[in-house]
Amino acid sequence: MKTYALREKGQKKLGDKQELLYGLEQTTDRVAELKVELRKWLSGEGKGSQPLLEEKESALKEYEKIRKHLGITAGKNQGDVIRFVKELLRQV
């Protein structure tokens, strides 16, 4: 998966106003970085990915901890974040 970062490229001054210019830059594979960070977090917490996928009741609280640790935020739908965290857990 290709990932991009929005970086400030410069700025223009128009009288009293200031206009910021941005550009997209391709970054490294962010999903691979998230997987590595998730593995570290799981080992630090002494947890495995499979039990988290099987638990129903406390899983949402754990997914929220993972989401915060990885710095993932929902654009519009929190359910998308939960599904993304589940998919990361399946792949680790």
Foldseek 3Di string as FASTA:
>chain_A
DKDWDKDWDAWDDDDPDIGTDIDIDIDPDVLVVLLVQVVVVCVVVVHALVVLLVDDPCNVVVLVVSCVSSVHDDPPDVVVSSVVSNVSSVVD
